[in-house]
Amino acid sequence: MAGRSKVAQEAYDIAEPIVKALGFDLVDCEYKKEGQYYFLRIFIDKRGGISIEDCEAVSREVDAALEGKLHADPDYFEVSSPGATRPFSSLSDYVRHEGEEIEVSLFAPIDGSKHIEGIIESATEEELVLGVGDSELHLEWDKIAKAQRTLRF
């Protein structure tokens, strides 16, 4: 993901193979100052969502691997879910949520609408295929401005 700080990128590079070996996807890392403290956060996900136990398991493994390897010493290290309504940022986000309903915002309207809700049928390097009603909609990635999961209560 573009825009990661040097420390966050270092943490990402160290954590990614560990997180993957534990059966999760590493979504992102961030290193930021909040008040007087520096926080290093990694965000993990998996099909079906993340539990506290998942975060604890990843935290134990990654914390040990990061020890002494970063060009900074964060005051706090956290492992978290990226959140249910976080906008998708990679192909793996779409693949992880195949079969689920999402909301898509488009750069230009299709049939008069810039907003579409549909079920992810497939996601490839070339396109996103959504089930919308009784039909399939094929969207090239450069047409999509934003997408996120639809939550219904």
Protein backbone atom coordinates (compact mmCIF):
# COMPACT_ATOMS: atom_id res chain seq x y z
CA MET A 1 0.00 0.00 0.00
CA ALA A 2 1.40 3.36 -0.98
CA GLY A 3 2.12 5.95 1.63
CA ARG A 4 3.50 3.69 4.36
CA SER A 5 6.23 5.24 6.49
CA LYS A 6 9.69 3.66 6.49
CA VAL A 7 9.10 2.05 9.89
CA ALA A 8 5.65 0.77 8.87
CA GLN A 9 7.12 -0.72 5.67
CA GLU A 10 9.91 -2.41 7.64
CA ALA A 11 7.32 -3.89 10.00
CA TYR A 12 5.18 -4.99 7.06
CA ASP A 13 8.10 -6.77 5.40
CA ILE A 14 9.00 -8.60 8.63
CA ALA A 15 5.42 -9.44 9.62
CA GLU A 16 4.00 -10.51 6.26
CA PRO A 17 5.51 -14.02 6.03
CA ILE A 18 4.72 -14.69 9.71
CA VAL A 19 1.12 -13.56 9.36
CA LYS A 20 0.71 -15.62 6.20
CA ALA A 21 2.19 -18.72 7.87
CA LEU A 22 -0.38 -18.33 10.66
CA GLY A 23 -3.18 -18.39 8.08
CA PHE A 24 -4.06 -14.70 7.92
CA ASP A 25 -3.70 -11.85 5.43
CA LEU A 26 -1.62 -8.83 6.41
CA VAL A 27 -3.76 -5.91 5.27
CA ASP A 28 -1.58 -3.00 6.35
CA CYS A 29 0.84 -1.56 8.90
CA GLU A 30 0.97 1.93 10.32
CA TYR A 31 3.42 3.77 12.55
CA LYS A 32 2.12 7.00 13.97
CA LYS A 33 2.39 9.37 16.86
CA GLU A 34 -0.66 9.87 19.03
CA GLY A 35 -0.11 12.39 21.77
CA GLN A 36 3.34 11.73 23.16
CA TYR A 37 3.43 8.05 22.21
CA TYR A 38 4.33 6.17 19.04
CA PHE A 39 2.09 3.28 17.97
CA LEU A 40 2.94 0.48 15.57
CA ARG A 41 -0.23 -1.23 14.38
CA ILE A 42 -0.65 -4.13 12.04
CA PHE A 43 -4.01 -5.02 10.56
CA ILE A 44 -4.86 -8.63 9.77
CA ASP A 45 -7.86 -10.29 8.18
CA LYS A 46 -9.18 -13.68 7.11
CA ARG A 47 -12.33 -15.03 5.57
CA GLY A 48 -14.98 -14.96 8.29
CA GLY A 49 -13.29 -12.17 10.27
CA ILE A 50 -10.74 -11.82 13.03
CA SER A 51 -11.10 -12.76 16.71
CA ILE A 52 -9.24 -11.46 19.74
CA GLU A 53 -7.47 -14.83 19.92
CA ASP A 54 -6.28 -14.36 16.33
CA CYS A 55 -4.84 -10.95 17.23
CA GLU A 56 -3.12 -12.38 20.32
CA ALA A 57 -1.53 -15.23 18.35
CA VAL A 58 -0.21 -12.88 15.66
CA SER A 59 0.95 -10.36 18.26
CA ARG A 60 3.09 -12.95 20.09
CA GLU A 61 4.81 -14.15 16.92
CA VAL A 62 5.31 -10.80 15.22
CA ASP A 63 6.38 -8.94 18.37
CA ALA A 64 9.23 -11.42 18.87
CA ALA A 65 10.28 -11.11 15.21
CA LEU A 66 10.28 -7.30 15.31
CA GLU A 67 12.45 -7.06 18.41
CA GLY A 68 15.51 -4.96 17.57
CA LYS A 69 14.90 -4.99 13.81
CA LEU A 70 13.13 -1.65 13.29
CA HIS A 71 14.74 1.76 12.85
CA ALA A 72 12.44 3.03 15.60
CA ASP A 73 11.23 1.84 18.97
CA PRO A 74 7.45 2.21 19.21
CA ASP A 75 5.92 2.75 22.63
CA TYR A 76 3.00 0.46 21.79
CA PHE A 77 2.49 -2.45 19.39
CA GLU A 78 -1.05 -3.50 18.43
CA VAL A 79 -2.58 -6.12 16.16
CA SER A 80 -6.10 -5.42 14.97
CA SER A 81 -8.80 -6.22 12.46
CA PRO A 82 -9.02 -3.59 9.72
CA GLY A 83 -12.71 -3.08 10.52
CA ALA A 84 -15.83 -4.34 8.80
CA THR A 85 -16.45 -1.16 6.78
CA ARG A 86 -12.89 -0.40 5.73
CA PRO A 87 -12.70 0.33 2.01
CA PHE A 88 -11.08 -2.45 0.00
CA SER A 89 -7.56 -1.60 -1.09
CA SER A 90 -6.23 -4.72 -2.81
CA LEU A 91 -7.26 -7.67 -4.96
CA SER A 92 -6.90 -9.94 -1.94
CA ASP A 93 -9.61 -7.93 -0.14
CA TYR A 94 -12.07 -8.76 -2.93
CA VAL A 95 -11.00 -12.42 -3.12
CA ARG A 96 -11.29 -12.81 0.67
CA HIS A 97 -14.88 -11.57 0.52
CA GLU A 98 -16.10 -13.53 -2.53
CA GLY A 99 -19.73 -14.46 -2.07
CA GLU A 100 -20.41 -11.42 0.10
CA GLU A 101 -22.35 -8.28 -0.73
CA ILE A 102 -20.43 -5.07 -1.33
CA GLU A 103 -21.18 -1.46 -2.18
CA VAL A 104 -19.25 -0.05 -5.11
CA SER A 105 -18.85 3.63 -6.03
CA LEU A 106 -17.90 4.31 -9.63
CA PHE A 107 -16.01 7.18 -11.22
CA ALA A 108 -18.62 7.42 -13.99
CA PRO A 109 -22.24 6.25 -13.94
CA ILE A 110 -23.43 2.98 -15.44
CA ASP A 111 -27.10 3.04 -16.43
CA GLY A 112 -27.42 6.39 -14.65
CA SER A 113 -25.96 5.31 -11.30
CA LYS A 114 -22.55 5.73 -9.72
CA HIS A 115 -23.42 3.36 -6.84
CA ILE A 116 -23.96 -0.39 -7.15
CA GLU A 117 -24.63 -3.11 -4.60
CA GLY A 118 -23.91 -6.68 -5.55
CA ILE A 119 -22.42 -10.02 -4.58
CA ILE A 120 -18.76 -10.62 -5.42
CA GLU A 121 -18.81 -13.47 -7.93
CA SER A 122 -15.09 -13.27 -8.73
CA ALA A 123 -12.13 -10.93 -8.66
CA THR A 124 -9.14 -11.27 -10.98
CA GLU A 125 -6.26 -9.05 -12.04
CA GLU A 126 -8.44 -7.88 -14.95
CA GLU A 127 -11.86 -7.28 -13.40
CA LEU A 128 -14.41 -7.55 -10.65
CA VAL A 129 -17.54 -9.56 -11.41
CA LEU A 130 -20.61 -8.70 -9.35
CA GLY A 131 -23.90 -10.52 -9.19
CA VAL A 132 -26.53 -7.78 -9.39
CA GLY A 133 -30.05 -9.14 -9.30
CA ASP A 134 -30.31 -11.80 -11.99
CA SER A 135 -27.32 -10.58 -13.99
CA GLU A 136 -23.55 -10.28 -13.80
CA LEU A 137 -21.77 -6.96 -14.00
CA HIS A 138 -18.14 -6.97 -15.16
CA LEU A 139 -16.17 -3.96 -13.90
CA GLU A 140 -12.63 -3.08 -14.85
CA TRP A 141 -10.61 -1.87 -11.85
CA ASP A 142 -10.07 1.64 -13.24
CA LYS A 143 -13.85 2.19 -13.17
CA ILE A 144 -14.08 1.62 -9.38
CA ALA A 145 -13.62 4.64 -7.11
CA LYS A 146 -14.31 2.82 -3.84
CA ALA A 147 -15.74 -0.46 -2.57
CA GLN A 148 -16.57 -1.82 0.87
CA ARG A 149 -18.64 -4.53 2.49
CA THR A 150 -22.38 -4.03 2.89
CA LEU A 151 -23.50 -4.50 6.46
CA ARG A 152 -27.14 -5.22 7.16
CA PHE A 153 -28.60 -5.39 10.66
